[in-house]
């Protein structure tokens, strides 16, 4: 192995994936999360059985988002622990003592290179294009898919030659009352200079009003996640697809599904 190959192997975050640890976490923490949120994951079999796939989902629940802890155990129950699912995350998440643990659990830094490496290995990659902007969307507009103009996920799927698997989740914006993303507040306080575009304001239990801190405990709102039909970008949009057109289609499919799930809910929190 050359020096360049050794450096590439060292920087390959996918090799840190630890199936034994993931199995242990899924079997211990997974049932707790599932019971607390009465979580359902529907149609996980829509994820292609083989080959790489990019699962694109809305992100919900603020700081304590349960999305991965709900989706991943259902994925592994269906496909087993030999096929990895990697989650793309902002580099700031890896600052601190959880760094090594997160990488072993399949959380990798969000970059085109990392995603391509994982997808080319035949793994499934889970991405939340809206990030914090999406997870802090106001509760009263929770059924809107808004990625804040981020379309990099489309380019990632096109370059890797893998399908996009739209996935939607409903209920986590009811775990507390999300009032505003606080874009205006972040600008007023000059936080945008430090690349902080939002300063969310919410109301929950037990602290009441919160501007990010202190983080309130999530109410046990019922969460339903549904995996939709995969989209073969080349088949649907041709060999030279327009990124914005693909993005608009994906978001449209997701928002239609989200509104359908919303119409099935009878009561907030109870589901």
Protein backbone atom coordinates (compact mmCIF):
# COMPACT_ATOMS: atom_id res chain seq x y z
CA UNK A 1 0.00 0.00 0.00
CA UNK A 2 1.39 3.40 -0.98
CA UNK A 3 1.60 6.38 1.37
CA UNK A 4 -1.31 8.01 -0.49
CA UNK A 5 -3.43 4.89 -0.10
CA UNK A 6 -2.59 4.68 3.61
CA UNK A 7 -3.65 8.31 4.11
CA UNK A 8 -6.88 7.66 2.20
CA UNK A 9 -7.61 4.59 4.31
CA UNK A 10 -6.92 6.54 7.50
CA UNK A 11 -9.31 9.30 6.42
CA UNK A 12 -12.04 6.88 5.30
CA UNK A 13 -14.66 7.34 7.98
CA UNK A 14 -16.69 4.37 6.77
CA UNK A 15 -14.11 1.91 8.12
CA UNK A 16 -14.93 3.04 11.66
CA UNK A 17 -18.44 1.58 11.41
CA UNK A 18 -18.84 -1.00 14.20
CA UNK A 19 -21.63 -3.50 13.59
CA UNK A 20 -21.29 -5.07 17.06
CA UNK A 21 -21.72 -1.72 18.81
CA UNK A 22 -24.59 -0.77 16.53
CA UNK A 23 -26.36 -4.04 17.28
CA UNK A 24 -25.93 -3.43 21.01
CA UNK A 25 -27.30 0.13 20.82
CA UNK A 26 -30.18 -0.90 18.56
CA UNK A 27 -31.18 -3.71 20.91
CA UNK A 28 -30.97 -1.60 24.09
CA UNK A 29 -31.72 2.02 23.22
CA UNK A 30 -33.89 1.28 20.18
CA UNK A 31 -36.82 -0.26 22.12
CA UNK A 32 -36.77 2.62 24.65
CA UNK A 33 -37.02 5.22 21.89
CA UNK A 34 -39.67 3.19 20.07
CA UNK A 35 -41.80 2.84 23.21
CA UNK A 36 -41.46 6.50 24.27
CA UNK A 37 -42.57 7.79 20.88
CA UNK A 38 -44.79 4.81 19.98
CA UNK A 39 -42.71 4.96 16.82
CA UNK A 40 -43.67 3.33 13.54
CA UNK A 41 -41.44 2.98 10.49
CA UNK A 42 -43.52 2.12 7.45
CA UNK A 43 -42.34 0.60 4.16
CA UNK A 44 -38.65 0.35 5.08
CA UNK A 45 -38.57 -2.31 2.36
CA UNK A 46 -38.71 0.54 -0.18
CA UNK A 47 -34.98 0.95 0.43
CA UNK A 48 -33.35 -1.05 -2.40
CA UNK A 49 -32.22 -4.44 -1.14
CA UNK A 50 -28.75 -4.13 -2.67
CA UNK A 51 -26.41 -1.37 -3.77
CA UNK A 52 -25.97 2.17 -2.56
CA UNK A 53 -28.98 4.38 -1.91
CA UNK A 54 -29.39 7.92 -0.62
CA UNK A 55 -32.22 8.17 1.91
CA UNK A 56 -33.37 11.81 2.03
CA UNK A 57 -35.52 12.78 5.01
CA UNK A 58 -36.96 15.78 6.77
CA UNK A 59 -35.38 16.47 10.18
CA UNK A 60 -37.51 17.03 13.28
CA UNK A 61 -37.45 17.50 17.02
CA UNK A 62 -34.95 20.30 17.57
CA UNK A 63 -31.78 19.52 19.53
CA UNK A 64 -33.05 16.12 20.70
CA UNK A 65 -34.16 14.88 17.29
CA UNK A 66 -34.96 11.14 17.42
CA UNK A 67 -34.96 10.56 13.64
CA UNK A 68 -31.87 8.34 13.37
CA UNK A 69 -32.69 6.37 16.53
CA UNK A 70 -36.07 5.54 15.01
CA UNK A 71 -35.01 4.81 11.42
CA UNK A 72 -31.77 2.90 12.00
CA UNK A 73 -33.13 0.04 14.19
CA UNK A 74 -35.96 -0.53 11.69
CA UNK A 75 -33.43 -0.59 8.86
CA UNK A 76 -31.20 -3.13 10.61
CA UNK A 77 -34.17 -5.28 11.59
CA UNK A 78 -35.03 -5.51 7.90
CA UNK A 79 -31.60 -5.77 6.28
CA UNK A 80 -29.38 -7.15 9.04
CA UNK A 81 -26.22 -5.79 10.62
CA UNK A 82 -23.87 -6.56 7.75
CA UNK A 83 -25.16 -3.71 5.57
CA UNK A 84 -24.24 -0.29 6.94
CA UNK A 85 -26.42 2.77 7.07
CA UNK A 86 -24.37 5.95 7.45
CA UNK A 87 -25.76 9.29 8.60
CA UNK A 88 -24.27 12.54 7.34
CA UNK A 89 -23.82 15.13 10.11
CA UNK A 90 -22.35 18.60 10.57
CA UNK A 91 -18.71 18.60 11.66
CA UNK A 92 -19.62 20.46 14.88
CA UNK A 93 -21.31 17.31 16.17
CA UNK A 94 -17.93 15.59 16.39
CA UNK A 95 -16.37 18.11 18.73
CA UNK A 96 -16.08 16.53 22.16
CA UNK A 97 -15.98 13.11 23.79
CA UNK A 98 -18.69 11.56 21.59
CA UNK A 99 -16.56 11.84 18.45
CA UNK A 100 -15.27 8.27 18.40
CA UNK A 101 -18.59 6.74 19.44
CA UNK A 102 -20.54 8.57 16.74
CA UNK A 103 -18.22 7.41 14.00
CA UNK A 104 -18.47 3.82 15.19
CA UNK A 105 -22.25 4.17 15.05
CA UNK A 106 -22.09 5.19 11.40
CA UNK A 107 -22.33 8.96 11.79
CA UNK A 108 -19.89 10.58 9.34
CA UNK A 109 -19.04 14.16 8.54
CA UNK A 110 -21.24 15.60 5.81
CA UNK A 111 -19.13 15.95 2.69
CA UNK A 112 -19.49 14.90 -0.94
CA UNK A 113 -16.39 12.73 -0.60
CA UNK A 114 -17.59 10.84 2.48
CA UNK A 115 -21.02 10.27 0.97
CA UNK A 116 -19.50 9.01 -2.30
CA UNK A 117 -17.22 6.58 -0.48
CA UNK A 118 -20.11 5.14 1.49
CA UNK A 119 -22.46 4.93 -1.49
CA UNK A 120 -19.87 3.30 -3.75
CA UNK A 121 -19.33 0.65 -1.08
CA UNK A 122 -22.98 -0.37 -1.47
CA UNK A 123 -24.08 1.18 1.81
CA UNK A 124 -27.15 3.28 2.51
CA UNK A 125 -26.57 6.93 3.38
CA UNK A 126 -29.12 8.89 5.39
CA UNK A 127 -29.11 12.65 4.88
CA UNK A 128 -31.20 15.48 6.30
CA UNK A 129 -30.62 18.34 3.83
CA UNK A 130 -32.50 20.85 5.98
CA UNK A 131 -30.34 20.21 9.04
CA UNK A 132 -31.02 22.39 12.08
CA UNK A 133 -33.04 24.78 9.93
CA UNK A 134 -35.50 21.97 9.31
CA UNK A 135 -35.46 20.44 12.80
CA UNK A 136 -36.43 23.77 14.38
CA UNK A 137 -39.25 24.59 11.96
CA UNK A 138 -42.27 26.08 13.77
CA UNK A 139 -44.76 23.51 15.02
CA UNK A 140 -47.62 25.28 13.24
CA UNK A 141 -45.90 24.86 9.87
CA UNK A 142 -44.46 21.44 10.60
CA UNK A 143 -45.89 19.79 7.48
CA UNK A 144 -43.75 21.78 5.05
CA UNK A 145 -40.62 20.42 3.40
CA UNK A 146 -38.07 23.24 3.30
CA UNK A 147 -34.37 22.43 2.89
CA UNK A 148 -33.40 26.11 2.94
CA UNK A 149 -32.28 25.91 -0.68
CA UNK A 150 -29.80 23.08 -0.12
CA UNK A 151 -29.56 20.83 -3.17
CA UNK A 152 -26.19 19.14 -2.65
CA UNK A 153 -27.92 15.84 -1.95
CA UNK A 154 -29.15 15.74 -5.56
CA UNK A 155 -25.63 16.17 -6.92
CA UNK A 156 -24.40 13.49 -4.54
CA UNK A 157 -26.95 10.97 -5.83
CA UNK A 158 -26.26 11.86 -9.48
CA UNK A 159 -22.48 11.59 -9.14
CA UNK A 160 -22.69 8.29 -7.25
CA UNK A 161 -25.30 6.88 -9.64
CA UNK A 162 -27.65 5.83 -6.84
CA UNK A 163 -31.41 6.29 -6.31
CA UNK A 164 -32.87 8.87 -3.99
CA UNK A 165 -35.22 7.33 -1.43
CA UNK A 166 -37.52 10.07 -0.04
CA UNK A 167 -38.53 9.53 3.57
CA UNK A 168 -40.84 11.57 5.77
CA UNK A 169 -41.40 11.70 9.49
CA UNK A 170 -44.22 13.31 11.45
CA UNK A 171 -44.76 13.92 15.16
CA UNK A 172 -41.43 15.16 16.49
CA UNK A 173 -42.42 18.83 16.08
CA UNK A 174 -45.07 18.09 18.71
CA UNK A 175 -42.53 16.99 21.34
CA UNK A 176 -42.47 20.67 22.34
CA UNK A 177 -43.89 23.87 20.93
CA UNK A 178 -41.40 25.25 18.42
CA UNK A 179 -42.27 28.92 18.06
CA UNK A 180 -39.70 30.35 15.63
CA UNK A 181 -36.36 29.51 14.07
CA UNK A 182 -35.24 32.94 15.25
CA UNK A 183 -33.51 34.01 12.01
CA UNK A 184 -34.25 37.63 12.85
CA UNK A 185 -32.89 37.19 16.38
CA UNK A 186 -29.65 35.67 15.12
CA UNK A 187 -29.17 38.59 12.73
CA UNK A 188 -30.00 41.16 15.41
CA UNK A 189 -27.43 39.70 17.79
CA UNK A 190 -24.80 39.47 15.08
CA UNK A 191 -24.58 35.70 15.30
CA UNK A 192 -24.62 35.30 11.54
CA UNK A 193 -20.99 36.44 11.55
CA UNK A 194 -20.21 33.25 13.46
CA UNK A 195 -22.24 31.23 10.91
CA UNK A 196 -25.21 30.90 13.27
CA UNK A 197 -28.20 31.59 11.04
CA UNK A 198 -30.90 30.63 13.54
CA UNK A 199 -31.56 31.11 17.25
CA UNK A 200 -34.64 28.95 17.90
CA UNK A 201 -37.27 29.80 20.49
CA UNK A 202 -39.46 27.03 21.87
CA UNK A 203 -41.70 26.22 24.83
CA UNK A 204 -41.73 22.87 26.58
CA UNK A 205 -41.34 20.78 29.72
CA UNK A 206 -39.97 21.34 32.33
CA UNK A 207 -38.28 24.71 31.70
CA UNK A 208 -40.97 26.46 29.70
CA UNK A 209 -39.50 29.07 27.32
CA UNK A 210 -36.14 28.13 25.82
CA UNK A 211 -33.77 29.85 23.40
CA UNK A 212 -31.89 26.63 22.54
CA UNK A 213 -30.95 26.33 26.24
CA UNK A 214 -32.04 24.93 28.56
CA UNK A 215 -33.15 21.99 26.40
CA UNK A 216 -36.62 20.83 27.37
CA UNK A 217 -37.43 17.14 27.62
CA UNK A 218 -39.38 15.83 24.61
CA UNK A 219 -43.01 14.96 25.13
CA UNK A 220 -43.93 11.39 24.08
CA UNK A 221 -45.55 12.44 20.81
CA UNK A 222 -46.32 9.59 18.44
CA UNK A 223 -43.85 9.58 15.56
CA UNK A 224 -44.53 7.92 12.23
CA UNK A 225 -41.77 7.57 9.64
CA UNK A 226 -42.61 6.45 6.12
CA UNK A 227 -40.14 5.40 3.43
CA UNK A 228 -41.42 6.33 -0.03
CA UNK A 229 -40.72 4.82 -3.44
CA UNK A 230 -37.12 5.26 -4.64
CA UNK A 231 -36.45 7.74 -7.44
CA UNK A 232 -34.03 6.77 -10.20
CA UNK A 233 -32.85 10.24 -11.19
CA UNK A 234 -31.48 9.26 -14.61
CA UNK A 235 -34.54 7.26 -15.62
CA UNK A 236 -36.92 10.03 -14.61
CA UNK A 237 -34.94 13.13 -15.57
CA UNK A 238 -32.51 11.94 -18.25
CA UNK A 239 -28.73 11.77 -18.48
CA UNK A 240 -28.27 15.49 -17.78
CA UNK A 241 -30.82 16.20 -15.03
CA UNK A 242 -31.52 19.70 -13.80
CA UNK A 243 -30.62 19.73 -10.11
CA UNK A 244 -33.28 22.26 -9.16
CA UNK A 245 -35.95 20.29 -11.01
CA UNK A 246 -34.99 17.08 -9.23
CA UNK A 247 -34.95 18.86 -5.87
CA UNK A 248 -38.40 20.37 -6.48
CA UNK A 249 -39.76 16.94 -7.39
CA UNK A 250 -38.28 15.24 -4.32
CA UNK A 251 -39.60 17.93 -1.99
CA UNK A 252 -43.01 17.82 -3.66
CA UNK A 253 -43.27 14.05 -3.23
CA UNK A 254 -42.21 14.35 0.40
CA UNK A 255 -44.58 17.19 1.22
CA UNK A 256 -47.54 15.34 -0.31
CA UNK A 257 -46.73 12.31 1.85
CA UNK A 258 -46.24 14.46 4.94
CA UNK A 259 -49.61 16.14 4.48
CA UNK A 260 -51.24 12.74 3.97
CA UNK A 261 -49.76 11.54 7.26
CA UNK A 262 -50.90 14.77 8.94
CA UNK A 263 -54.46 14.17 7.77
CA UNK A 264 -54.37 10.76 9.49
CA UNK A 265 -53.47 12.27 12.89
CA UNK A 266 -56.44 12.89 15.13
CA UNK A 267 -54.80 14.78 18.01
CA UNK A 268 -51.45 16.51 18.62
CA UNK A 269 -48.97 14.43 20.64
CA UNK A 270 -51.44 11.50 20.85
CA UNK A 271 -51.28 10.92 17.12
